[in-house]
Amino acid sequence: GVLMNLTDNMLSISIVIPVYNAEFSIGKLVDELVSELNHHYNLEIALVNDNSQDNSEEVCIGLYEKYKNIVSFYSLSKNVGEHNAVMAGLNNISGDYVIIMDDDFQNPVSEVIKLISYVREKDYDVVYTYYKKKKHSFYRNLGSRFNDKMANIMLKKPKDLYLSSFKMINKYLVKEIIKYDLP
């Protein structure tokens, strides 16, 4: 008989998580992602520390050591913002699909599972999620303006629809995004 590695036929999912001052949430988030998704997909998680001022760096290094075949870790020497941290992650992943998500359990792992199922069922190139009601501070909202402007232009999104930073993109679109990154 022929020995076949079942993981070769599994869909590969990359998750990019920009990390900023998340020492208390990132460990639990990665543990849950690995335990819930790793049996069903070839899972890859890219943690990008955006020069956190807490112990996020040490926690991320610990996660990399714990899950060497799944977690990769990138540490930025200065704070470059969420968009640039995501771009650093996108340039270093290889999945058929990429999920971009926050480091703070704003989107529980159950929503990640729903997002994957939805995208696979509909065969979309990209799916953005949105909040029915936003509960973020003004500062946080300010940080999401770039995301919104891009979507208005690229996706012809209605201006009054807010898109969260929780999204899933196929490999082809990721290649296009990293090719034409905006300054």
N, C-alpha and C. Protein backbone atom coordinates (compact mmCIF):
# COMPACT_ATOMS: atom_id res chain seq x y z
N GLY A 1 0.82 -1.20 0.00
CA GLY A 1 0.00 0.00 0.00
C GLY A 1 0.86 1.25 0.00
N VAL A 2 0.24 2.33 -0.34
CA VAL A 2 0.92 3.61 -0.39
C VAL A 2 0.58 4.40 0.87
N LEU A 3 1.61 4.90 1.52
CA LEU A 3 1.36 5.77 2.67
C LEU A 3 1.06 7.16 2.16
N MET A 4 -0.04 7.72 2.63
CA MET A 4 -0.40 9.05 2.16
C MET A 4 -0.52 9.98 3.36
N ASN A 5 0.04 11.13 3.25
CA ASN A 5 -0.09 12.12 4.30
C ASN A 5 -1.41 12.85 4.10
N LEU A 6 -2.35 12.62 5.00
CA LEU A 6 -3.68 13.22 4.87
C LEU A 6 -3.62 14.74 4.88
N THR A 7 -2.65 15.30 5.57
CA THR A 7 -2.59 16.76 5.66
C THR A 7 -2.29 17.39 4.30
N ASP A 8 -1.74 16.62 3.36
CA ASP A 8 -1.46 17.17 2.03
C ASP A 8 -2.73 17.59 1.31
N ASN A 9 -3.83 16.88 1.58
CA ASN A 9 -5.08 17.18 0.90
C ASN A 9 -5.96 18.16 1.67
N MET A 10 -5.50 18.55 2.86
CA MET A 10 -6.29 19.47 3.66
C MET A 10 -6.08 20.90 3.18
N LEU A 11 -7.12 21.69 3.31
CA LEU A 11 -7.03 23.11 2.98
C LEU A 11 -6.04 23.77 3.94
N SER A 12 -5.20 24.63 3.41
CA SER A 12 -4.27 25.33 4.31
C SER A 12 -4.82 26.72 4.63
N ILE A 13 -4.85 27.00 5.92
CA ILE A 13 -5.37 28.26 6.44
C ILE A 13 -4.24 28.97 7.17
N SER A 14 -3.97 30.19 6.78
CA SER A 14 -3.00 31.02 7.49
C SER A 14 -3.78 32.07 8.27
N ILE A 15 -3.34 32.33 9.48
CA ILE A 15 -3.98 33.37 10.29
C ILE A 15 -2.91 34.39 10.64
N VAL A 16 -3.16 35.64 10.26
CA VAL A 16 -2.23 36.73 10.56
C VAL A 16 -2.83 37.52 11.72
N ILE A 17 -2.04 37.64 12.79
CA ILE A 17 -2.51 38.39 13.96
C ILE A 17 -1.49 39.48 14.31
N PRO A 18 -1.84 40.74 14.04
CA PRO A 18 -0.97 41.81 14.52
C PRO A 18 -1.13 41.89 16.04
N VAL A 19 -0.01 41.89 16.74
CA VAL A 19 -0.05 41.84 18.21
C VAL A 19 0.44 43.17 18.77
N TYR A 20 -0.40 43.77 19.61
CA TYR A 20 0.04 45.00 20.29
C TYR A 20 -0.49 45.00 21.72
N ASN A 21 0.43 44.95 22.68
CA ASN A 21 0.09 44.93 24.10
C ASN A 21 -1.00 43.90 24.41
N ALA A 22 -0.75 42.67 24.01
CA ALA A 22 -1.75 41.60 24.15
C ALA A 22 -1.23 40.45 25.02
N GLU A 23 -0.35 40.75 25.96
CA GLU A 23 0.27 39.68 26.75
C GLU A 23 -0.76 38.80 27.46
N PHE A 24 -1.93 39.35 27.79
CA PHE A 24 -2.91 38.57 28.54
C PHE A 24 -3.93 37.84 27.66
N SER A 25 -3.97 38.15 26.37
CA SER A 25 -4.95 37.50 25.51
C SER A 25 -4.34 36.61 24.43
N ILE A 26 -3.16 36.93 23.94
CA ILE A 26 -2.63 36.24 22.75
C ILE A 26 -2.36 34.75 23.00
N GLY A 27 -1.89 34.39 24.19
CA GLY A 27 -1.60 32.99 24.48
C GLY A 27 -2.85 32.13 24.42
N LYS A 28 -3.90 32.58 25.07
CA LYS A 28 -5.17 31.83 25.10
C LYS A 28 -5.77 31.77 23.69
N LEU A 29 -5.67 32.88 22.95
CA LEU A 29 -6.21 32.92 21.59
C LEU A 29 -5.51 31.89 20.70
N VAL A 30 -4.18 31.87 20.71
CA VAL A 30 -3.44 30.93 19.88
C VAL A 30 -3.71 29.49 20.31
N ASP A 31 -3.74 29.23 21.62
CA ASP A 31 -4.05 27.88 22.11
C ASP A 31 -5.40 27.41 21.57
N GLU A 32 -6.40 28.29 21.62
CA GLU A 32 -7.74 27.91 21.13
C GLU A 32 -7.75 27.71 19.62
N LEU A 33 -7.08 28.59 18.89
CA LEU A 33 -7.04 28.44 17.43
C LEU A 33 -6.41 27.10 17.05
N VAL A 34 -5.29 26.77 17.70
CA VAL A 34 -4.60 25.52 17.39
C VAL A 34 -5.49 24.33 17.75
N SER A 35 -6.09 24.35 18.94
CA SER A 35 -6.87 23.17 19.35
C SER A 35 -8.15 23.00 18.51
N GLU A 36 -8.74 24.11 18.07
CA GLU A 36 -9.98 24.02 17.29
C GLU A 36 -9.77 23.78 15.79
N LEU A 37 -8.66 24.28 15.24
CA LEU A 37 -8.50 24.27 13.78
C LEU A 37 -7.44 23.31 13.25
N ASN A 38 -6.44 22.99 14.05
CA ASN A 38 -5.29 22.25 13.53
C ASN A 38 -5.63 20.84 13.05
N HIS A 39 -6.70 20.25 13.55
CA HIS A 39 -7.06 18.88 13.13
C HIS A 39 -7.79 18.89 11.79
N HIS A 40 -8.36 20.05 11.42
CA HIS A 40 -9.18 20.13 10.21
C HIS A 40 -8.48 20.80 9.04
N TYR A 41 -7.44 21.56 9.32
CA TYR A 41 -6.75 22.32 8.27
C TYR A 41 -5.25 22.25 8.49
N ASN A 42 -4.51 22.48 7.42
CA ASN A 42 -3.07 22.75 7.58
C ASN A 42 -3.01 24.18 8.08
N LEU A 43 -2.73 24.33 9.35
CA LEU A 43 -2.82 25.63 10.00
C LEU A 43 -1.46 26.29 10.12
N GLU A 44 -1.45 27.58 9.85
CA GLU A 44 -0.25 28.40 9.99
C GLU A 44 -0.70 29.70 10.66
N ILE A 45 -0.02 30.10 11.73
CA ILE A 45 -0.37 31.34 12.42
C ILE A 45 0.86 32.24 12.44
N ALA A 46 0.71 33.44 11.88
CA ALA A 46 1.80 34.41 11.89
C ALA A 46 1.47 35.50 12.91
N LEU A 47 2.29 35.56 13.95
CA LEU A 47 2.14 36.61 14.96
C LEU A 47 3.12 37.72 14.63
N VAL A 48 2.63 38.95 14.53
CA VAL A 48 3.49 40.08 14.22
C VAL A 48 3.39 41.07 15.37
N ASN A 49 4.45 41.11 16.19
CA ASN A 49 4.46 42.02 17.34
C ASN A 49 4.83 43.42 16.87
N ASP A 50 3.88 44.35 17.03
CA ASP A 50 4.06 45.72 16.58
C ASP A 50 4.68 46.57 17.69
N ASN A 51 5.86 46.16 18.14
CA ASN A 51 6.61 46.88 19.17
C ASN A 51 5.78 47.13 20.44
N SER A 52 5.17 46.06 20.95
CA SER A 52 4.36 46.16 22.18
C SER A 52 5.19 46.68 23.33
N GLN A 53 4.52 47.36 24.26
CA GLN A 53 5.19 47.92 25.43
C GLN A 53 5.04 47.02 26.66
N ASP A 54 4.40 45.87 26.50
CA ASP A 54 4.22 44.93 27.61
C ASP A 54 5.05 43.67 27.34
N ASN A 55 4.65 42.53 27.87
CA ASN A 55 5.42 41.29 27.67
C ASN A 55 4.93 40.46 26.48
N SER A 56 4.25 41.08 25.53
CA SER A 56 3.76 40.35 24.36
C SER A 56 4.87 39.60 23.63
N GLU A 57 6.03 40.24 23.51
CA GLU A 57 7.17 39.63 22.81
C GLU A 57 7.52 38.27 23.43
N GLU A 58 7.66 38.23 24.74
CA GLU A 58 8.02 36.99 25.43
C GLU A 58 6.92 35.94 25.28
N VAL A 59 5.67 36.38 25.38
CA VAL A 59 4.54 35.45 25.23
C VAL A 59 4.55 34.86 23.82
N CYS A 60 4.77 35.70 22.81
CA CYS A 60 4.79 35.24 21.42
C CYS A 60 5.95 34.27 21.17
N ILE A 61 7.11 34.56 21.74
CA ILE A 61 8.26 33.65 21.60
C ILE A 61 7.91 32.30 22.21
N GLY A 62 7.24 32.33 23.36
CA GLY A 62 6.79 31.09 24.00
C GLY A 62 5.83 30.30 23.12
N LEU A 63 4.93 31.00 22.45
CA LEU A 63 3.97 30.34 21.54
C LEU A 63 4.69 29.74 20.34
N TYR A 64 5.67 30.48 19.82
CA TYR A 64 6.47 29.96 18.71
C TYR A 64 7.19 28.67 19.13
N GLU A 65 7.77 28.68 20.32
CA GLU A 65 8.48 27.48 20.81
C GLU A 65 7.52 26.33 21.07
N LYS A 66 6.33 26.63 21.53
CA LYS A 66 5.33 25.60 21.84
C LYS A 66 4.76 24.96 20.56
N TYR A 67 4.56 25.78 19.53
CA TYR A 67 3.91 25.32 18.29
C TYR A 67 4.82 25.60 17.09
N LYS A 68 6.05 25.13 17.14
CA LYS A 68 7.05 25.46 16.09
C LYS A 68 6.58 25.16 14.67
N ASN A 69 5.82 24.09 14.48
CA ASN A 69 5.40 23.73 13.12
C ASN A 69 4.16 24.52 12.68
N ILE A 70 3.59 25.34 13.56
CA ILE A 70 2.37 26.09 13.22
C ILE A 70 2.59 27.60 13.32
N VAL A 71 3.22 28.04 14.41
CA VAL A 71 3.33 29.47 14.69
C VAL A 71 4.67 30.03 14.20
N SER A 72 4.58 31.14 13.47
CA SER A 72 5.79 31.90 13.15
C SER A 72 5.64 33.24 13.86
N PHE A 73 6.77 33.84 14.18
CA PHE A 73 6.74 35.07 14.96
C PHE A 73 7.66 36.11 14.35
N TYR A 74 7.13 37.30 14.17
CA TYR A 74 7.89 38.42 13.62
C TYR A 74 7.77 39.58 14.60
N SER A 75 8.90 40.20 14.87
CA SER A 75 8.92 41.30 15.83
C SER A 75 9.39 42.57 15.13
N LEU A 76 8.56 43.59 15.16
CA LEU A 76 8.89 44.84 14.50
C LEU A 76 9.62 45.75 15.48
N SER A 77 10.69 46.39 15.02
CA SER A 77 11.55 47.15 15.92
C SER A 77 10.96 48.50 16.33
N LYS A 78 9.95 48.95 15.58
CA LYS A 78 9.25 50.15 16.02
C LYS A 78 7.77 49.97 15.69
N ASN A 79 6.94 50.76 16.34
CA ASN A 79 5.50 50.63 16.13
C ASN A 79 5.14 51.18 14.76
N VAL A 80 4.62 50.33 13.89
CA VAL A 80 4.31 50.74 12.52
C VAL A 80 2.81 50.76 12.25
N GLY A 81 2.01 50.37 13.22
CA GLY A 81 0.56 50.39 13.04
C GLY A 81 0.03 49.07 12.52
N GLU A 82 -1.26 48.87 12.73
CA GLU A 82 -1.91 47.60 12.41
C GLU A 82 -1.77 47.22 10.94
N HIS A 83 -2.00 48.17 10.04
CA HIS A 83 -1.94 47.86 8.61
C HIS A 83 -0.56 47.31 8.21
N ASN A 84 0.49 48.00 8.63
CA ASN A 84 1.84 47.56 8.27
C ASN A 84 2.21 46.24 8.95
N ALA A 85 1.72 46.02 10.16
CA ALA A 85 1.96 44.75 10.83
C ALA A 85 1.27 43.61 10.06
N VAL A 86 0.06 43.88 9.59
CA VAL A 86 -0.66 42.87 8.78
C VAL A 86 0.11 42.61 7.48
N MET A 87 0.60 43.67 6.84
CA MET A 87 1.36 43.49 5.60
C MET A 87 2.60 42.63 5.83
N ALA A 88 3.28 42.84 6.97
CA ALA A 88 4.45 42.01 7.30
C ALA A 88 4.03 40.54 7.39
N GLY A 89 2.89 40.30 8.01
CA GLY A 89 2.39 38.92 8.11
C GLY A 89 2.02 38.35 6.75
N LEU A 90 1.33 39.14 5.93
CA LEU A 90 0.90 38.66 4.60
C LEU A 90 2.09 38.31 3.72
N ASN A 91 3.19 38.99 3.92
CA ASN A 91 4.39 38.71 3.12
C ASN A 91 5.10 37.43 3.57
N ASN A 92 4.64 36.83 4.65
CA ASN A 92 5.34 35.66 5.20
C ASN A 92 4.44 34.46 5.45
N ILE A 93 3.35 34.36 4.70
CA ILE A 93 2.45 33.21 4.88
C ILE A 93 2.23 32.50 3.55
N SER A 94 1.65 31.30 3.61
CA SER A 94 1.52 30.52 2.39
C SER A 94 0.17 29.82 2.22
N GLY A 95 -0.80 30.13 3.07
CA GLY A 95 -2.07 29.40 3.04
C GLY A 95 -2.91 29.63 1.80
N ASP A 96 -3.82 28.69 1.53
CA ASP A 96 -4.80 28.84 0.45
C ASP A 96 -5.71 30.03 0.77
N TYR A 97 -5.97 30.20 2.05
CA TYR A 97 -6.77 31.32 2.54
C TYR A 97 -6.06 31.93 3.73
N VAL A 98 -6.26 33.23 3.91
CA VAL A 98 -5.67 33.93 5.05
C VAL A 98 -6.79 34.60 5.83
N ILE A 99 -6.73 34.43 7.13
CA ILE A 99 -7.64 35.14 8.02
C ILE A 99 -6.81 36.19 8.74
N ILE A 100 -7.32 37.40 8.78
CA ILE A 100 -6.67 38.47 9.52
C ILE A 100 -7.59 38.77 10.70
N MET A 101 -7.02 38.75 11.90
CA MET A 101 -7.86 38.97 13.07
C MET A 101 -7.11 39.71 14.17
N ASP A 102 -7.87 40.29 15.09
CA ASP A 102 -7.29 41.01 16.22
C ASP A 102 -6.74 40.05 17.26
N ASP A 103 -5.91 40.59 18.14
CA ASP A 103 -5.23 39.79 19.16
C ASP A 103 -6.00 39.68 20.47
N ASP A 104 -7.22 40.20 20.52
CA ASP A 104 -7.89 40.39 21.82
C ASP A 104 -9.21 39.65 22.00
N PHE A 105 -9.45 38.60 21.21
CA PHE A 105 -10.70 37.83 21.31
C PHE A 105 -11.93 38.64 20.95
N GLN A 106 -11.73 39.74 20.22
CA GLN A 106 -12.88 40.49 19.73
C GLN A 106 -13.73 39.55 18.87
N ASN A 107 -13.06 38.64 18.19
CA ASN A 107 -13.75 37.62 17.40
C ASN A 107 -13.36 36.27 17.96
N PRO A 108 -14.31 35.59 18.64
CA PRO A 108 -13.98 34.29 19.22
C PRO A 108 -13.68 33.24 18.13
N VAL A 109 -13.03 32.17 18.54
CA VAL A 109 -12.65 31.11 17.60
C VAL A 109 -13.87 30.54 16.89
N SER A 110 -15.02 30.51 17.56
CA SER A 110 -16.24 30.01 16.92
C SER A 110 -16.58 30.84 15.68
N GLU A 111 -16.30 32.14 15.71
CA GLU A 111 -16.55 32.99 14.54
C GLU A 111 -15.54 32.71 13.43
N VAL A 112 -14.32 32.34 13.79
CA VAL A 112 -13.30 31.97 12.80
C VAL A 112 -13.81 30.74 12.04
N ILE A 113 -14.33 29.77 12.77
CA ILE A 113 -14.84 28.54 12.15
C ILE A 113 -16.00 28.86 11.21
N LYS A 114 -16.91 29.74 11.65
CA LYS A 114 -18.04 30.15 10.79
C LYS A 114 -17.54 30.85 9.54
N LEU A 115 -16.55 31.72 9.69
CA LEU A 115 -16.00 32.47 8.55
C LEU A 115 -15.40 31.51 7.52
N ILE A 116 -14.63 30.53 7.98
CA ILE A 116 -14.02 29.55 7.06
C ILE A 116 -15.12 28.79 6.31
N SER A 117 -16.13 28.32 7.03
CA SER A 117 -17.22 27.56 6.40
C SER A 117 -17.95 28.40 5.36
N TYR A 118 -18.21 29.65 5.71
CA TYR A 118 -18.93 30.55 4.81
C TYR A 118 -18.15 30.78 3.52
N VAL A 119 -16.86 31.08 3.66
CA VAL A 119 -16.03 31.36 2.49
C VAL A 119 -15.92 30.13 1.60
N ARG A 120 -15.75 28.96 2.21
CA ARG A 120 -15.62 27.73 1.41
C ARG A 120 -16.92 27.40 0.70
N GLU A 121 -18.02 27.59 1.38
CA GLU A 121 -19.34 27.28 0.80
C GLU A 121 -19.65 28.20 -0.37
N LYS A 122 -19.35 29.49 -0.22
CA LYS A 122 -19.67 30.48 -1.25
C LYS A 122 -18.57 30.63 -2.29
N ASP A 123 -17.37 30.16 -1.98
CA ASP A 123 -16.20 30.28 -2.86
C ASP A 123 -15.90 31.74 -3.22
N TYR A 124 -15.91 32.59 -2.22
CA TYR A 124 -15.59 34.00 -2.42
C TYR A 124 -14.08 34.21 -2.34
N ASP A 125 -13.61 35.31 -2.95
CA ASP A 125 -12.19 35.69 -2.88
C ASP A 125 -11.88 36.37 -1.55
N VAL A 126 -12.83 37.15 -1.07
CA VAL A 126 -12.62 37.88 0.18
C VAL A 126 -13.96 38.03 0.89
N VAL A 127 -13.93 37.89 2.20
CA VAL A 127 -15.11 38.17 3.01
C VAL A 127 -14.68 39.02 4.19
N TYR A 128 -15.25 40.23 4.25
CA TYR A 128 -15.06 41.12 5.39
C TYR A 128 -16.22 40.87 6.33
N THR A 129 -15.98 41.05 7.60
CA THR A 129 -17.08 40.97 8.55
C THR A 129 -17.41 42.39 8.99
N TYR A 130 -18.58 42.55 9.59
CA TYR A 130 -18.93 43.87 10.11
C TYR A 130 -19.66 43.70 11.42
N TYR A 131 -19.69 44.77 12.19
CA TYR A 131 -20.35 44.75 13.48
C TYR A 131 -21.74 45.33 13.34
N LYS A 132 -22.72 44.73 14.01
CA LYS A 132 -24.05 45.33 14.04
C LYS A 132 -23.99 46.63 14.82
N LYS A 133 -23.25 46.63 15.92
CA LYS A 133 -23.04 47.85 16.71
C LYS A 133 -21.58 47.90 17.10
N LYS A 134 -20.96 49.04 16.88
CA LYS A 134 -19.54 49.19 17.24
C LYS A 134 -19.40 49.72 18.64
N LYS A 135 -18.48 49.10 19.38
CA LYS A 135 -18.27 49.54 20.77
C LYS A 135 -16.80 49.83 21.00
N HIS A 136 -16.21 50.61 20.12
CA HIS A 136 -14.79 50.93 20.27
C HIS A 136 -14.60 52.40 20.60
N SER A 137 -13.49 52.71 21.17
CA SER A 137 -13.15 54.09 21.46
C SER A 137 -12.87 54.84 20.17
N PHE A 138 -12.89 56.15 20.25
CA PHE A 138 -12.60 56.98 19.08
C PHE A 138 -11.23 56.66 18.51
N TYR A 139 -10.23 56.48 19.38
CA TYR A 139 -8.87 56.19 18.94
C TYR A 139 -8.85 54.92 18.11
N ARG A 140 -9.54 53.91 18.56
CA ARG A 140 -9.60 52.64 17.85
C ARG A 140 -10.28 52.84 16.49
N ASN A 141 -11.35 53.61 16.49
CA ASN A 141 -12.08 53.86 15.25
C ASN A 141 -11.20 54.58 14.23
N LEU A 142 -10.39 55.50 14.72
CA LEU A 142 -9.47 56.24 13.88
C LEU A 142 -8.52 55.28 13.17
N GLY A 143 -8.05 54.28 13.90
CA GLY A 143 -7.11 53.31 13.35
C GLY A 143 -7.70 52.46 12.25
N SER A 144 -9.01 52.40 12.15
CA SER A 144 -9.63 51.56 11.14
C SER A 144 -10.00 52.33 9.88
N ARG A 145 -9.69 53.62 9.85
CA ARG A 145 -10.04 54.42 8.67
C ARG A 145 -9.38 53.92 7.40
N PHE A 146 -8.11 53.52 7.50
CA PHE A 146 -7.40 53.03 6.31
C PHE A 146 -8.15 51.84 5.72
N ASN A 147 -8.48 50.89 6.58
CA ASN A 147 -9.20 49.69 6.19
C ASN A 147 -10.46 50.06 5.42
N ASP A 148 -11.19 51.02 5.95
CA ASP A 148 -12.44 51.45 5.39
C ASP A 148 -12.26 52.13 4.04
N LYS A 149 -11.26 53.02 3.95
CA LYS A 149 -10.99 53.73 2.70
C LYS A 149 -10.65 52.75 1.58
N MET A 150 -9.80 51.77 1.92
CA MET A 150 -9.41 50.76 0.92
C MET A 150 -10.64 50.01 0.42
N ALA A 151 -11.50 49.62 1.34
CA ALA A 151 -12.68 48.86 0.95
C ALA A 151 -13.64 49.72 0.12
N ASN A 152 -13.75 51.00 0.46
CA ASN A 152 -14.61 51.89 -0.33
C ASN A 152 -14.14 51.92 -1.78
N ILE A 153 -12.82 51.98 -1.95
CA ILE A 153 -12.24 52.07 -3.29
C ILE A 153 -12.29 50.71 -4.00
N MET A 154 -11.73 49.68 -3.34
CA MET A 154 -11.58 48.38 -4.00
C MET A 154 -12.88 47.59 -4.13
N LEU A 155 -13.72 47.69 -3.12
CA LEU A 155 -14.91 46.83 -3.10
C LEU A 155 -16.19 47.61 -3.38
N LYS A 156 -16.05 48.92 -3.64
CA LYS A 156 -17.22 49.78 -3.85
C LYS A 156 -18.23 49.61 -2.71
N LYS A 157 -17.69 49.62 -1.50
CA LYS A 157 -18.49 49.41 -0.29
C LYS A 157 -19.28 50.68 0.01
N PRO A 158 -20.54 50.52 0.44
CA PRO A 158 -21.30 51.70 0.88
C PRO A 158 -20.56 52.38 2.04
N LYS A 159 -20.50 53.71 2.01
CA LYS A 159 -19.71 54.45 3.00
C LYS A 159 -20.19 54.24 4.44
N ASP A 160 -21.45 53.95 4.64
CA ASP A 160 -21.96 53.84 6.00
C ASP A 160 -21.80 52.43 6.59
N LEU A 161 -21.25 51.50 5.82
CA LEU A 161 -21.03 50.15 6.34
C LEU A 161 -19.61 50.06 6.89
N TYR A 162 -19.49 49.77 8.17
CA TYR A 162 -18.17 49.66 8.78
C TYR A 162 -17.67 48.23 8.66
N LEU A 163 -16.45 48.05 8.18
CA LEU A 163 -15.85 46.73 8.08
C LEU A 163 -14.85 46.54 9.21
N SER A 164 -14.92 45.40 9.85
CA SER A 164 -13.97 45.14 10.94
C SER A 164 -12.63 44.67 10.37
N SER A 165 -11.66 44.50 11.25
CA SER A 165 -10.36 44.01 10.80
C SER A 165 -10.36 42.48 10.75
N PHE A 166 -11.51 41.86 10.91
CA PHE A 166 -11.64 40.41 10.86
C PHE A 166 -12.12 40.03 9.46
N LYS A 167 -11.22 39.40 8.68
CA LYS A 167 -11.57 39.08 7.30
C LYS A 167 -10.84 37.83 6.84
N MET A 168 -11.30 37.28 5.72
CA MET A 168 -10.67 36.11 5.13
C MET A 168 -10.47 36.38 3.65
N ILE A 169 -9.27 36.10 3.16
CA ILE A 169 -8.88 36.44 1.79
C ILE A 169 -8.22 35.22 1.15
N ASN A 170 -8.49 34.99 -0.13
CA ASN A 170 -7.83 33.84 -0.77
C ASN A 170 -6.41 34.19 -1.19
N LYS A 171 -5.64 33.15 -1.50
CA LYS A 171 -4.21 33.28 -1.80
C LYS A 171 -3.94 34.23 -2.96
N TYR A 172 -4.76 34.16 -4.00
CA TYR A 172 -4.57 35.01 -5.17
C TYR A 172 -4.65 36.49 -4.78
N LEU A 173 -5.66 36.83 -4.01
CA LEU A 173 -5.85 38.22 -3.61
C LEU A 173 -4.72 38.69 -2.69
N VAL A 174 -4.25 37.81 -1.81
CA VAL A 174 -3.12 38.16 -0.93
C VAL A 174 -1.91 38.52 -1.79
N LYS A 175 -1.65 37.72 -2.84
CA LYS A 175 -0.51 38.00 -3.73
C LYS A 175 -0.66 39.37 -4.39
N GLU A 176 -1.89 39.73 -4.77
CA GLU A 176 -2.14 41.03 -5.38
C GLU A 176 -1.93 42.16 -4.37
N ILE A 177 -2.40 41.95 -3.15
CA ILE A 177 -2.28 42.98 -2.10
C ILE A 177 -0.82 43.27 -1.79
N ILE A 178 -0.01 42.22 -1.64
CA ILE A 178 1.39 42.46 -1.28
C ILE A 178 2.19 43.02 -2.47
N LYS A 179 1.70 42.78 -3.68
CA LYS A 179 2.35 43.34 -4.86
C LYS A 179 2.12 44.85 -4.95
N TYR A 180 0.93 45.27 -4.57
CA TYR A 180 0.56 46.69 -4.74
C TYR A 180 0.27 47.38 -3.42
N ASP A 181 1.10 47.13 -2.41
CA ASP A 181 0.85 47.78 -1.13
C ASP A 181 0.93 49.29 -1.27
N LEU A 182 0.00 49.97 -0.59
CA LEU A 182 -0.02 51.43 -0.62
C LEU A 182 1.00 51.98 0.36
N PRO A 183 1.54 53.16 0.09
CA PRO A 183 2.51 53.77 1.02
C PRO A 183 1.86 54.14 2.34
